[in-house]
């Protein structure tokens, strides 16, 4: 029996895979296995012989079972080490560009604008997207009867325990209010972020992206505003020969207020900047209304300021020829592969 045990033990150690080892286990310990068959012969033996032979076969079974389990653990460890070796990632390798994906046009334009104004000392400011009517309307000198306060324009939430009605901010001007109330002039901030209005068509979506600029200091005038936005548009649209005009307008939070247009050519179904005799409205701007300064604890006799704001999504459409605003939010990989930007720069 000892010779048989040695033979089986050698077979166990010679198994080179878990599959081979399992086949050997079945051959030795299965229902019809060799060791199981030995146990079945005990019934034909005399009682004394059966006791001695039974103990011997059971010992044999335990030794082989332990040997198989030990070999199984060795093979599993070797198999895991081999798999880890094959599946390891060399972190020193350069990432393949095609595995990174594309930068969305909105993110690209947002980064372009932020980078430009950061070079001129503008700090990036942020605030909550869910705000109250004071920050979104009242502090901005917007009367109670203003159309923008109506539910057909603004998304309102249910009042909280204290009865205050919150809303999804309709502009990032709320960030301007919070900044002016928290910091003392001089201020030079840029407020990018998501805003919400109840509108949906080819050029409007319920959620869109906006950037607003604010400068508060002593001696600020409309000339500073014009110089700032004109230089920015020349840089953004990459046209030094852009034509500009400022039309008088009305916004509750600025006085005087203006709409800024840039010259373009609309012939041929597209828009070309730096040529033609047509005009395109770009954004609104103006000098910060004295009432807004007062609402934020700033003396309008000592400090003045200007503000401007525009939709990032619309700027992306104009610069990169995107025909429908809604397609920007449809999560279509084909659209992004066409209009998206490489993380390493360029299209």
C-alpha atoms as a PDB file:
ATOM      1  CA  UNK A   1       0.000   0.000   0.000  1.00  0.00           C
ATOM      2  CA  UNK A   2       2.920   2.348   0.719  1.00  0.00           C
ATOM      3  CA  UNK A   3       4.170   1.907  -2.855  1.00  0.00           C
ATOM      4  CA  UNK A   4       0.697   2.781  -4.158  1.00  0.00           C
ATOM      5  CA  UNK A   5       0.629   5.861  -1.938  1.00  0.00           C
ATOM      6  CA  UNK A   6       3.991   7.004  -3.284  1.00  0.00           C
ATOM      7  CA  UNK A   7       2.768   6.527  -6.850  1.00  0.00           C
ATOM      8  CA  UNK A   8      -0.374   8.555  -6.281  1.00  0.00           C
ATOM      9  CA  UNK A   9       1.603  11.228  -4.466  1.00  0.00           C
ATOM     10  CA  UNK A  10       3.950  11.538  -7.470  1.00  0.00           C
ATOM     11  CA  UNK A  11       0.951  11.869  -9.770  1.00  0.00           C
ATOM     12  CA  UNK A  12      -0.461  14.657  -7.604  1.00  0.00           C
ATOM     13  CA  UNK A  13       2.834  16.597  -7.683  1.00  0.00           C
ATOM     14  CA  UNK A  14       3.165  16.031 -11.443  1.00  0.00           C
ATOM     15  CA  UNK A  15      -0.176  17.732 -12.164  1.00  0.00           C
ATOM     16  CA  UNK A  16       0.580  20.928 -14.121  1.00  0.00           C
ATOM     17  CA  UNK A  17      -2.882  22.488 -14.151  1.00  0.00           C
ATOM     18  CA  UNK A  18      -6.000  22.693 -12.046  1.00  0.00           C
ATOM     19  CA  UNK A  19      -7.833  20.742 -14.723  1.00  0.00           C
ATOM     20  CA  UNK A  20      -5.304  17.865 -14.575  1.00  0.00           C
ATOM     21  CA  UNK A  21      -5.460  17.887 -10.787  1.00  0.00           C
ATOM     22  CA  UNK A  22      -9.279  17.738 -10.797  1.00  0.00           C
ATOM     23  CA  UNK A  23      -9.229  14.794 -13.197  1.00  0.00           C
ATOM     24  CA  UNK A  24      -6.796  12.983 -10.871  1.00  0.00           C
ATOM     25  CA  UNK A  25      -8.964  13.753  -7.835  1.00  0.00           C
ATOM     26  CA  UNK A  26     -11.997  12.214  -9.557  1.00  0.00           C
ATOM     27  CA  UNK A  27      -9.953   9.156 -10.599  1.00  0.00           C
ATOM     28  CA  UNK A  28      -8.791   8.566  -7.030  1.00  0.00           C
ATOM     29  CA  UNK A  29     -11.547   9.933  -4.776  1.00  0.00           C
ATOM     30  CA  UNK A  30     -14.638  10.073  -6.969  1.00  0.00           C
ATOM     31  CA  UNK A  31     -17.637   7.744  -6.608  1.00  0.00           C
ATOM     32  CA  UNK A  32     -15.902   5.206  -8.798  1.00  0.00           C
ATOM     33  CA  UNK A  33     -12.380   6.225  -7.829  1.00  0.00           C
ATOM     34  CA  UNK A  34      -9.546   3.872  -6.958  1.00  0.00           C
ATOM     35  CA  UNK A  35      -9.463   4.743  -3.268  1.00  0.00           C
ATOM     36  CA  UNK A  36     -13.269   4.689  -3.063  1.00  0.00           C
ATOM     37  CA  UNK A  37     -13.223   1.217  -4.627  1.00  0.00           C
ATOM     38  CA  UNK A  38     -10.794   0.044  -1.952  1.00  0.00           C
ATOM     39  CA  UNK A  39     -13.227   1.211   0.727  1.00  0.00           C
ATOM     40  CA  UNK A  40     -15.995  -0.799  -0.923  1.00  0.00           C
ATOM     41  CA  UNK A  41     -13.989  -4.029  -0.497  1.00  0.00           C
ATOM     42  CA  UNK A  42     -14.058  -3.784   3.311  1.00  0.00           C
ATOM     43  CA  UNK A  43     -17.496  -5.386   3.492  1.00  0.00           C
ATOM     44  CA  UNK A  44     -16.092  -8.722   2.337  1.00  0.00           C
ATOM     45  CA  UNK A  45     -13.385  -8.881   5.007  1.00  0.00           C
ATOM     46  CA  UNK A  46     -13.466 -10.432   8.471  1.00  0.00           C
ATOM     47  CA  UNK A  47     -14.201  -7.969  11.300  1.00  0.00           C
ATOM     48  CA  UNK A  48     -10.648  -7.815  12.659  1.00  0.00           C
ATOM     49  CA  UNK A  49      -9.121  -7.515   9.214  1.00  0.00           C
ATOM     50  CA  UNK A  50     -11.770  -4.968   8.189  1.00  0.00           C
ATOM     51  CA  UNK A  51     -10.836  -2.731  11.129  1.00  0.00           C
ATOM     52  CA  UNK A  52      -7.136  -2.780  10.333  1.00  0.00           C
ATOM     53  CA  UNK A  53      -7.618  -2.451   6.579  1.00  0.00           C
ATOM     54  CA  UNK A  54     -10.212   0.313   7.008  1.00  0.00           C
ATOM     55  CA  UNK A  55      -7.847   2.427   9.136  1.00  0.00           C
ATOM     56  CA  UNK A  56      -5.113   1.984   6.532  1.00  0.00           C
ATOM     57  CA  UNK A  57      -7.327   2.999   3.591  1.00  0.00           C
ATOM     58  CA  UNK A  58      -8.773   6.006   5.497  1.00  0.00           C
ATOM     59  CA  UNK A  59      -5.252   7.170   6.295  1.00  0.00           C
ATOM     60  CA  UNK A  60      -4.399   6.756   2.637  1.00  0.00           C
ATOM     61  CA  UNK A  61      -7.463   8.809   1.674  1.00  0.00           C
ATOM     62  CA  UNK A  62      -6.591  11.628   4.124  1.00  0.00           C
ATOM     63  CA  UNK A  63      -2.969  11.798   2.901  1.00  0.00           C
ATOM     64  CA  UNK A  64      -4.011  11.981  -0.750  1.00  0.00           C
ATOM     65  CA  UNK A  65      -6.749  14.526  -0.005  1.00  0.00           C
ATOM     66  CA  UNK A  66      -4.256  16.759   1.819  1.00  0.00           C
ATOM     67  CA  UNK A  67      -1.741  16.360  -1.018  1.00  0.00           C
ATOM     68  CA  UNK A  68      -4.354  17.343  -3.606  1.00  0.00           C
ATOM     69  CA  UNK A  69      -5.435  20.412  -1.607  1.00  0.00           C
ATOM     70  CA  UNK A  70      -1.829  21.511  -1.158  1.00  0.00           C
ATOM     71  CA  UNK A  71      -1.087  21.079  -4.864  1.00  0.00           C
ATOM     72  CA  UNK A  72      -4.297  22.908  -5.735  1.00  0.00           C
ATOM     73  CA  UNK A  73      -3.207  25.908  -3.666  1.00  0.00           C
ATOM     74  CA  UNK A  74       0.180  25.899  -5.420  1.00  0.00           C
ATOM     75  CA  UNK A  75      -1.408  25.800  -8.870  1.00  0.00           C
ATOM     76  CA  UNK A  76      -3.927  28.554  -8.019  1.00  0.00           C
ATOM     77  CA  UNK A  77      -1.122  30.799  -6.757  1.00  0.00           C
ATOM     78  CA  UNK A  78       0.945  30.154  -9.877  1.00  0.00           C
ATOM     79  CA  UNK A  79      -2.057  30.783 -12.114  1.00  0.00           C
ATOM     80  CA  UNK A  80      -2.818  34.089 -10.357  1.00  0.00           C
ATOM     81  CA  UNK A  81       0.797  35.223 -10.612  1.00  0.00           C
ATOM     82  CA  UNK A  82       0.816  34.393 -14.311  1.00  0.00           C
ATOM     83  CA  UNK A  83      -2.435  36.296 -14.911  1.00  0.00           C
ATOM     84  CA  UNK A  84      -1.191  39.332 -12.986  1.00  0.00           C
ATOM     85  CA  UNK A  85       1.991  39.312 -15.015  1.00  0.00           C
ATOM     86  CA  UNK A  86       0.067  39.265 -18.275  1.00  0.00           C
ATOM     87  CA  UNK A  87      -2.530  41.846 -17.193  1.00  0.00           C
ATOM     88  CA  UNK A  88      -0.242  44.383 -15.520  1.00  0.00           C
ATOM     89  CA  UNK A  89      -0.241  47.958 -16.817  1.00  0.00           C
ATOM     90  CA  UNK A  90       3.010  49.755 -17.451  1.00  0.00           C
ATOM     91  CA  UNK A  91       2.230  53.175 -15.954  1.00  0.00           C
ATOM     92  CA  UNK A  92       5.348  54.619 -17.575  1.00  0.00           C
ATOM     93  CA  UNK A  93       3.852  54.195 -21.040  1.00  0.00           C
ATOM     94  CA  UNK A  94       2.321  57.232 -22.699  1.00  0.00           C
ATOM     95  CA  UNK A  95      -1.482  57.152 -22.894  1.00  0.00           C
ATOM     96  CA  UNK A  96      -2.821  56.576 -26.370  1.00  0.00           C
ATOM     97  CA  UNK A  97      -4.687  59.734 -27.527  1.00  0.00           C
ATOM     98  CA  UNK A  98      -7.601  57.716 -28.862  1.00  0.00           C
ATOM     99  CA  UNK A  99      -8.274  56.307 -25.388  1.00  0.00           C
ATOM    100  CA  UNK A 100      -8.756  59.747 -23.818  1.00  0.00           C
ATOM    101  CA  UNK A 101     -11.899  60.855 -25.649  1.00  0.00           C
ATOM    102  CA  UNK A 102     -12.831  64.377 -26.701  1.00  0.00           C
ATOM    103  CA  UNK A 103     -13.311  67.677 -24.916  1.00  0.00           C
ATOM    104  CA  UNK A 104     -16.853  68.984 -25.357  1.00  0.00           C
ATOM    105  CA  UNK A 105     -17.107  72.303 -27.272  1.00  0.00           C
ATOM    106  CA  UNK A 106     -18.749  73.926 -24.240  1.00  0.00           C
ATOM    107  CA  UNK A 107     -15.829  72.926 -22.016  1.00  0.00           C
ATOM    108  CA  UNK A 108     -13.394  74.082 -24.680  1.00  0.00           C
ATOM    109  CA  UNK A 109     -15.002  77.518 -24.989  1.00  0.00           C
ATOM    110  CA  UNK A 110     -15.361  77.849 -21.212  1.00  0.00           C
ATOM    111  CA  UNK A 111     -11.651  77.135 -20.799  1.00  0.00           C
ATOM    112  CA  UNK A 112     -10.726  79.568 -23.588  1.00  0.00           C
ATOM    113  CA  UNK A 113     -12.697  82.403 -21.989  1.00  0.00           C
ATOM    114  CA  UNK A 114     -11.456  81.725 -18.470  1.00  0.00           C
ATOM    115  CA  UNK A 115      -7.847  81.554 -19.680  1.00  0.00           C
ATOM    116  CA  UNK A 116      -8.191  84.903 -21.484  1.00  0.00           C
ATOM    117  CA  UNK A 117      -9.666  86.864 -18.585  1.00  0.00           C
ATOM    118  CA  UNK A 118      -7.372  85.202 -16.031  1.00  0.00           C
ATOM    119  CA  UNK A 119      -4.456  86.803 -17.848  1.00  0.00           C
ATOM    120  CA  UNK A 120      -5.936  90.203 -16.940  1.00  0.00           C
ATOM    121  CA  UNK A 121      -6.354  89.535 -13.244  1.00  0.00           C
ATOM    122  CA  UNK A 122      -9.947  88.281 -13.184  1.00  0.00           C
ATOM    123  CA  UNK A 123     -10.561  85.799 -10.387  1.00  0.00           C
ATOM    124  CA  UNK A 124     -12.968  82.896 -10.878  1.00  0.00           C
ATOM    125  CA  UNK A 125     -15.979  83.048  -8.544  1.00  0.00           C
ATOM    126  CA  UNK A 126     -18.729  80.485  -8.000  1.00  0.00           C
ATOM    127  CA  UNK A 127     -21.989  80.129  -6.107  1.00  0.00           C
ATOM    128  CA  UNK A 128     -24.944  77.757  -5.578  1.00  0.00           C
ATOM    129  CA  UNK A 129     -27.175  76.811  -8.501  1.00  0.00           C
ATOM    130  CA  UNK A 130     -30.184  76.757  -6.168  1.00  0.00           C
ATOM    131  CA  UNK A 131     -30.624  80.259  -4.758  1.00  0.00           C
ATOM    132  CA  UNK A 132     -33.272  82.592  -3.353  1.00  0.00           C
ATOM    133  CA  UNK A 133     -35.213  85.450  -4.949  1.00  0.00           C
ATOM    134  CA  UNK A 134     -33.162  88.050  -3.121  1.00  0.00           C
ATOM    135  CA  UNK A 135     -29.860  87.078  -4.742  1.00  0.00           C
ATOM    136  CA  UNK A 136     -31.437  86.214  -8.087  1.00  0.00           C
ATOM    137  CA  UNK A 137     -33.809  89.192  -8.444  1.00  0.00           C
ATOM    138  CA  UNK A 138     -34.260  91.692  -5.595  1.00  0.00           C
ATOM    139  CA  UNK A 139     -30.609  92.555  -4.967  1.00  0.00           C
ATOM    140  CA  UNK A 140     -30.224  93.028  -8.717  1.00  0.00           C
ATOM    141  CA  UNK A 141     -32.788  95.852  -8.686  1.00  0.00           C
ATOM    142  CA  UNK A 142     -35.471  93.723 -10.350  1.00  0.00           C
ATOM    143  CA  UNK A 143     -38.988  94.774  -9.229  1.00  0.00           C
ATOM    144  CA  UNK A 144     -41.604  92.297  -8.037  1.00  0.00           C
ATOM    145  CA  UNK A 145     -43.606  92.642 -11.276  1.00  0.00           C
ATOM    146  CA  UNK A 146     -40.629  91.903 -13.565  1.00  0.00           C
ATOM    147  CA  UNK A 147     -41.546  89.208 -16.168  1.00  0.00           C
ATOM    148  CA  UNK A 148     -38.417  87.179 -15.381  1.00  0.00           C
ATOM    149  CA  UNK A 149     -39.866  86.440 -11.930  1.00  0.00           C
ATOM    150  CA  UNK A 150     -42.834  84.576 -13.426  1.00  0.00           C
ATOM    151  CA  UNK A 151     -42.948  80.771 -13.500  1.00  0.00           C
ATOM    152  CA  UNK A 152     -43.122  80.746 -17.303  1.00  0.00           C
ATOM    153  CA  UNK A 153     -39.510  81.988 -17.216  1.00  0.00           C
ATOM    154  CA  UNK A 154     -38.077  80.636 -13.951  1.00  0.00           C
ATOM    155  CA  UNK A 155     -37.989  77.193 -12.319  1.00  0.00           C
ATOM    156  CA  UNK A 156     -39.211  77.520  -8.714  1.00  0.00           C
ATOM    157  CA  UNK A 157     -38.914  74.978  -5.903  1.00  0.00           C
ATOM    158  CA  UNK A 158     -41.360  74.433  -3.086  1.00  0.00           C
ATOM    159  CA  UNK A 159     -40.914  76.840  -0.124  1.00  0.00           C
ATOM    160  CA  UNK A 160     -38.784  75.517   2.744  1.00  0.00           C
ATOM    161  CA  UNK A 161     -39.760  75.320   6.440  1.00  0.00           C
ATOM    162  CA  UNK A 162     -39.246  79.054   6.878  1.00  0.00           C
ATOM    163  CA  UNK A 163     -41.421  79.869   3.857  1.00  0.00           C
ATOM    164  CA  UNK A 164     -38.530  80.995   1.634  1.00  0.00           C
ATOM    165  CA  UNK A 165     -39.072  80.002  -1.979  1.00  0.00           C
ATOM    166  CA  UNK A 166     -35.913  78.807  -3.706  1.00  0.00           C
ATOM    167  CA  UNK A 167     -35.288  78.658  -7.455  1.00  0.00           C
ATOM    168  CA  UNK A 168     -32.818  77.430 -10.032  1.00  0.00           C
ATOM    169  CA  UNK A 169     -30.701  80.502 -10.722  1.00  0.00           C
ATOM    170  CA  UNK A 170     -31.500  82.187 -14.029  1.00  0.00           C
ATOM    171  CA  UNK A 171     -28.083  83.838 -14.374  1.00  0.00           C
ATOM    172  CA  UNK A 172     -24.703  83.834 -12.672  1.00  0.00           C
ATOM    173  CA  UNK A 173     -25.387  87.394 -11.513  1.00  0.00           C
ATOM    174  CA  UNK A 174     -26.210  85.747  -8.178  1.00  0.00           C
ATOM    175  CA  UNK A 175     -22.474  85.103  -7.859  1.00  0.00           C
ATOM    176  CA  UNK A 176     -21.803  88.810  -8.388  1.00  0.00           C
ATOM    177  CA  UNK A 177     -24.149  89.684  -5.521  1.00  0.00           C
ATOM    178  CA  UNK A 178     -22.602  87.141  -3.173  1.00  0.00           C
ATOM    179  CA  UNK A 179     -19.085  88.304  -4.024  1.00  0.00           C
ATOM    180  CA  UNK A 180     -19.884  92.005  -3.513  1.00  0.00           C
ATOM    181  CA  UNK A 181     -21.494  91.222  -0.156  1.00  0.00           C
ATOM    182  CA  UNK A 182     -18.577  89.116   1.017  1.00  0.00           C
ATOM    183  CA  UNK A 183     -15.590  91.079  -0.303  1.00  0.00           C
ATOM    184  CA  UNK A 184     -14.625  94.724  -0.371  1.00  0.00           C
ATOM    185  CA  UNK A 185     -13.680  96.498  -3.626  1.00  0.00           C
ATOM    186  CA  UNK A 186     -11.662  96.566  -5.752  1.00  0.00           C
ATOM    187  CA  UNK A 187     -13.165  93.486  -7.412  1.00  0.00           C
ATOM    188  CA  UNK A 188     -12.443  91.839 -10.725  1.00  0.00           C
ATOM    189  CA  UNK A 189     -14.259  88.512 -11.092  1.00  0.00           C
ATOM    190  CA  UNK A 190     -15.487  86.085 -13.722  1.00  0.00           C
ATOM    191  CA  UNK A 191     -18.509  83.942 -12.829  1.00  0.00           C
ATOM    192  CA  UNK A 192     -18.948  80.853 -15.054  1.00  0.00           C
ATOM    193  CA  UNK A 193     -21.575  78.187 -14.462  1.00  0.00           C
ATOM    194  CA  UNK A 194     -24.856  76.495 -15.305  1.00  0.00           C
ATOM    195  CA  UNK A 195     -28.081  78.502 -15.302  1.00  0.00           C
ATOM    196  CA  UNK A 196     -31.715  77.541 -15.888  1.00  0.00           C
ATOM    197  CA  UNK A 197     -34.647  79.082 -17.745  1.00  0.00           C
ATOM    198  CA  UNK A 198     -37.942  77.694 -18.941  1.00  0.00           C
ATOM    199  CA  UNK A 199     -37.164  77.709 -22.672  1.00  0.00           C
ATOM    200  CA  UNK A 200     -36.420  75.065 -25.322  1.00  0.00           C
ATOM    201  CA  UNK A 201     -35.776  75.404 -29.063  1.00  0.00           C
ATOM    202  CA  UNK A 202     -32.876  75.332 -31.547  1.00  0.00           C
ATOM    203  CA  UNK A 203     -31.104  78.216 -29.785  1.00  0.00           C
ATOM    204  CA  UNK A 204     -32.383  77.782 -26.196  1.00  0.00           C
ATOM    205  CA  UNK A 205     -32.301  74.944 -23.665  1.00  0.00           C
ATOM    206  CA  UNK A 206     -33.703  74.764 -20.101  1.00  0.00           C
ATOM    207  CA  UNK A 207     -30.137  74.465 -18.805  1.00  0.00           C
ATOM    208  CA  UNK A 208     -27.272  76.355 -20.388  1.00  0.00           C
ATOM    209  CA  UNK A 209     -23.881  77.816 -19.500  1.00  0.00           C
ATOM    210  CA  UNK A 210     -23.161  81.441 -18.820  1.00  0.00           C
ATOM    211  CA  UNK A 211     -20.154  83.576 -17.977  1.00  0.00           C
ATOM    212  CA  UNK A 212     -20.459  86.998 -16.401  1.00  0.00           C
ATOM    213  CA  UNK A 213     -17.718  89.508 -15.717  1.00  0.00           C
ATOM    214  CA  UNK A 214     -17.714  92.151 -13.009  1.00  0.00           C
ATOM    215  CA  UNK A 215     -15.270  94.964 -12.249  1.00  0.00           C
ATOM    216  CA  UNK A 216     -15.737  97.289  -9.244  1.00  0.00           C
ATOM    217  CA  UNK A 217     -13.204  99.999  -8.449  1.00  0.00           C
ATOM    218  CA  UNK A 218     -12.771 103.738  -8.157  1.00  0.00           C
ATOM    219  CA  UNK A 219     -12.959 105.768 -11.363  1.00  0.00           C
ATOM    220  CA  UNK A 220     -14.420 103.009 -13.570  1.00  0.00           C
ATOM    221  CA  UNK A 221     -16.288 104.274 -16.639  1.00  0.00           C
ATOM    222  CA  UNK A 222     -17.983 103.004 -19.798  1.00  0.00           C
ATOM    223  CA  UNK A 223     -14.744 103.317 -21.753  1.00  0.00           C
ATOM    224  CA  UNK A 224     -13.181 100.631 -19.571  1.00  0.00           C
ATOM    225  CA  UNK A 225     -16.124  98.356 -20.352  1.00  0.00           C
ATOM    226  CA  UNK A 226     -15.886  98.927 -24.118  1.00  0.00           C
ATOM    227  CA  UNK A 227     -12.164  98.307 -24.187  1.00  0.00           C
ATOM    228  CA  UNK A 228     -12.514  95.098 -22.200  1.00  0.00           C
ATOM    229  CA  UNK A 229     -15.255  93.454 -24.283  1.00  0.00           C
ATOM    230  CA  UNK A 230     -13.949  94.644 -27.674  1.00  0.00           C
ATOM    231  CA  UNK A 231     -10.484  93.223 -27.043  1.00  0.00           C
ATOM    232  CA  UNK A 232     -12.018  89.990 -25.812  1.00  0.00           C
ATOM    233  CA  UNK A 233     -14.187  89.527 -28.925  1.00  0.00           C
ATOM    234  CA  UNK A 234     -11.241  90.189 -31.236  1.00  0.00           C
ATOM    235  CA  UNK A 235      -9.283  87.535 -29.397  1.00  0.00           C
ATOM    236  CA  UNK A 236     -12.090  84.985 -29.152  1.00  0.00           C
ATOM    237  CA  UNK A 237     -13.248  85.181 -32.774  1.00  0.00           C
ATOM    238  CA  UNK A 238      -9.647  85.603 -33.976  1.00  0.00           C
ATOM    239  CA  UNK A 239     -10.491  88.662 -36.102  1.00  0.00           C
ATOM    240  CA  UNK A 240      -8.615  91.916 -35.600  1.00  0.00           C
ATOM    241  CA  UNK A 241     -10.822  93.727 -38.132  1.00  0.00           C
ATOM    242  CA  UNK A 242     -14.109  93.092 -36.311  1.00  0.00           C
ATOM    243  CA  UNK A 243     -16.638  95.928 -36.430  1.00  0.00           C
ATOM    244  CA  UNK A 244     -18.533  96.788 -33.252  1.00  0.00           C
ATOM    245  CA  UNK A 245     -21.491  98.844 -32.200  1.00  0.00           C
ATOM    246  CA  UNK A 246     -23.183  99.416 -28.865  1.00  0.00           C
ATOM    247  CA  UNK A 247     -26.966  99.924 -28.871  1.00  0.00           C
ATOM    248  CA  UNK A 248     -28.725 101.469 -25.849  1.00  0.00           C
ATOM    249  CA  UNK A 249     -30.725  98.864 -23.954  1.00  0.00           C
ATOM    250  CA  UNK A 250     -32.300  98.318 -20.551  1.00  0.00           C
ATOM    251  CA  UNK A 251     -31.367  95.944 -17.765  1.00  0.00           C
ATOM    252  CA  UNK A 252     -32.539  96.557 -14.183  1.00  0.00           C
ATOM    253  CA  UNK A 253     -29.076  95.898 -12.792  1.00  0.00           C
ATOM    254  CA  UNK A 254     -27.032  98.236 -15.063  1.00  0.00           C
ATOM    255  CA  UNK A 255     -27.320 101.918 -15.965  1.00  0.00           C
ATOM    256  CA  UNK A 256     -26.468 102.845 -18.653  1.00  0.00           C
ATOM    257  CA  UNK A 257     -27.029  99.484 -20.385  1.00  0.00           C
ATOM    258  CA  UNK A 258     -26.099  98.365 -23.881  1.00  0.00           C
ATOM    259  CA  UNK A 259     -26.330  95.478 -26.317  1.00  0.00           C
ATOM    260  CA  UNK A 260     -23.095  94.793 -28.164  1.00  0.00           C
ATOM    261  CA  UNK A 261     -23.195  93.781 -31.849  1.00  0.00           C
ATOM    262  CA  UNK A 262     -20.364  92.651 -34.101  1.00  0.00           C
ATOM    263  CA  UNK A 263     -20.220  92.991 -37.859  1.00  0.00           C
ATOM    264  CA  UNK A 264     -20.737  89.903 -39.984  1.00  0.00           C
ATOM    265  CA  UNK A 265     -21.821  88.512 -43.331  1.00  0.00           C
ATOM    266  CA  UNK A 266     -24.971  86.360 -43.309  1.00  0.00           C
ATOM    267  CA  UNK A 267     -25.017  85.520 -47.024  1.00  0.00           C
ATOM    268  CA  UNK A 268     -24.790  81.884 -48.045  1.00  0.00           C
ATOM    269  CA  UNK A 269     -26.687  80.575 -45.035  1.00  0.00           C
ATOM    270  CA  UNK A 270     -23.786  80.945 -42.588  1.00  0.00           C
ATOM    271  CA  UNK A 271     -22.193  83.675 -40.497  1.00  0.00           C
ATOM    272  CA  UNK A 272     -18.763  85.060 -41.303  1.00  0.00           C
ATOM    273  CA  UNK A 273     -17.155  87.548 -38.963  1.00  0.00           C
ATOM    274  CA  UNK A 274     -14.877  90.377 -40.009  1.00  0.00           C
ATOM    275  CA  UNK A 275     -16.689  91.009 -43.287  1.00  0.00           C
ATOM    276  CA  UNK A 276     -20.075  92.014 -44.696  1.00  0.00           C
ATOM    277  CA  UNK A 277     -22.584  94.661 -43.683  1.00  0.00           C
ATOM    278  CA  UNK A 278     -24.788  92.651 -41.304  1.00  0.00           C
ATOM    279  CA  UNK A 279     -24.813  92.786 -37.517  1.00  0.00           C
ATOM    280  CA  UNK A 280     -25.125  90.086 -34.861  1.00  0.00           C
ATOM    281  CA  UNK A 281     -26.034  90.696 -31.241  1.00  0.00           C
ATOM    282  CA  UNK A 282     -23.371  89.162 -28.983  1.00  0.00           C
ATOM    283  CA  UNK A 283     -24.188  90.049 -25.373  1.00  0.00           C
ATOM    284  CA  UNK A 284     -25.477  92.621 -22.939  1.00  0.00           C
ATOM    285  CA  UNK A 285     -23.390  94.847 -20.728  1.00  0.00           C
ATOM    286  CA  UNK A 286     -23.458  98.101 -18.782  1.00  0.00           C
ATOM    287  CA  UNK A 287     -22.372 100.059 -15.749  1.00  0.00           C
ATOM    288  CA  UNK A 288     -23.460  98.489 -12.457  1.00  0.00           C
ATOM    289  CA  UNK A 289     -26.598 100.243 -11.212  1.00  0.00           C
ATOM    290  CA  UNK A 290     -26.066 102.328  -8.050  1.00  0.00           C
ATOM    291  CA  UNK A 291     -28.970 100.499  -6.394  1.00  0.00           C
ATOM    292  CA  UNK A 292     -27.170  97.171  -6.875  1.00  0.00           C
ATOM    293  CA  UNK A 293     -24.057  98.585  -5.248  1.00  0.00           C
ATOM    294  CA  UNK A 294     -26.143  99.886  -2.336  1.00  0.00           C
ATOM    295  CA  UNK A 295     -27.865  96.488  -1.950  1.00  0.00           C
ATOM    296  CA  UNK A 296     -24.397  94.969  -1.506  1.00  0.00           C
ATOM    297  CA  UNK A 297     -23.143  97.566   0.978  1.00  0.00           C
ATOM    298  CA  UNK A 298     -20.925  99.435  -1.502  1.00  0.00           C
ATOM    299  CA  UNK A 299     -20.987 103.225  -1.694  1.00  0.00           C
ATOM    300  CA  UNK A 300     -21.802 104.226  -5.327  1.00  0.00           C
ATOM    301  CA  UNK A 301     -20.351 107.677  -4.688  1.00  0.00           C
ATOM    302  CA  UNK A 302     -16.952 106.103  -4.086  1.00  0.00           C
ATOM    303  CA  UNK A 303     -16.999 103.014  -6.309  1.00  0.00           C
ATOM    304  CA  UNK A 304     -18.278 102.332  -9.806  1.00  0.00           C
ATOM    305  CA  UNK A 305     -18.220  99.215 -11.920  1.00  0.00           C
ATOM    306  CA  UNK A 306     -19.232  97.474 -15.108  1.00  0.00           C
ATOM    307  CA  UNK A 307     -20.643  94.047 -15.866  1.00  0.00           C
ATOM    308  CA  UNK A 308     -21.151  91.898 -18.933  1.00  0.00           C
ATOM    309  CA  UNK A 309     -22.578  88.463 -19.568  1.00  0.00           C
ATOM    310  CA  UNK A 310     -23.074  85.980 -22.384  1.00  0.00           C
ATOM    311  CA  UNK A 311     -24.065  82.410 -23.109  1.00  0.00           C
ATOM    312  CA  UNK A 312     -21.108  80.056 -23.481  1.00  0.00           C
ATOM    313  CA  UNK A 313     -23.157  77.584 -25.525  1.00  0.00           C
ATOM    314  CA  UNK A 314     -24.103  80.262 -28.064  1.00  0.00           C
ATOM    315  CA  UNK A 315     -20.498  81.421 -28.336  1.00  0.00           C
ATOM    316  CA  UNK A 316     -19.496  77.814 -29.064  1.00  0.00           C
ATOM    317  CA  UNK A 317     -22.162  77.627 -31.781  1.00  0.00           C
ATOM    318  CA  UNK A 318     -20.967  80.856 -33.393  1.00  0.00           C
ATOM    319  CA  UNK A 319     -17.261  80.083 -33.303  1.00  0.00           C
ATOM    320  CA  UNK A 320     -17.396  76.432 -34.344  1.00  0.00           C
ATOM    321  CA  UNK A 321     -20.425  76.391 -36.653  1.00  0.00           C
ATOM    322  CA  UNK A 322     -22.768  74.237 -34.551  1.00  0.00           C
ATOM    323  CA  UNK A 323     -26.294  74.588 -35.987  1.00  0.00           C
ATOM    324  CA  UNK A 324     -28.490  73.370 -33.112  1.00  0.00           C
ATOM    325  CA  UNK A 325     -27.923  74.065 -29.430  1.00  0.00           C
ATOM    326  CA  UNK A 326     -29.946  71.023 -28.341  1.00  0.00           C
ATOM    327  CA  UNK A 327     -27.490  68.585 -29.931  1.00  0.00           C
ATOM    328  CA  UNK A 328     -24.879  69.657 -27.391  1.00  0.00           C
ATOM    329  CA  UNK A 329     -26.790  67.861 -24.635  1.00  0.00           C
ATOM    330  CA  UNK A 330     -27.886  64.658 -26.426  1.00  0.00           C
ATOM    331  CA  UNK A 331     -24.826  62.566 -25.437  1.00  0.00           C
ATOM    332  CA  UNK A 332     -24.217  61.441 -29.019  1.00  0.00           C
ATOM    333  CA  UNK A 333     -20.690  60.079 -29.319  1.00  0.00           C
ATOM    334  CA  UNK A 334     -20.670  60.618 -33.091  1.00  0.00           C
ATOM    335  CA  UNK A 335     -21.507  64.304 -32.612  1.00  0.00           C
ATOM    336  CA  UNK A 336     -18.761  64.694 -30.018  1.00  0.00           C
ATOM    337  CA  UNK A 337     -16.187  62.950 -32.202  1.00  0.00           C
ATOM    338  CA  UNK A 338     -16.977  65.502 -34.945  1.00  0.00           C
ATOM    339  CA  UNK A 339     -17.218  68.704 -32.889  1.00  0.00           C
ATOM    340  CA  UNK A 340     -15.033  67.705 -29.949  1.00  0.00           C
ATOM    341  CA  UNK A 341     -11.457  68.754 -29.239  1.00  0.00           C
ATOM    342  CA  UNK A 342      -8.352  66.726 -28.505  1.00  0.00           C
ATOM    343  CA  UNK A 343      -7.187  66.908 -24.872  1.00  0.00           C
ATOM    344  CA  UNK A 344      -3.730  67.562 -26.297  1.00  0.00           C
ATOM    345  CA  UNK A 345      -4.795  70.691 -28.168  1.00  0.00           C
ATOM    346  CA  UNK A 346      -6.527  71.309 -31.481  1.00  0.00           C
ATOM    347  CA  UNK A 347      -9.398  69.557 -33.163  1.00  0.00           C
END
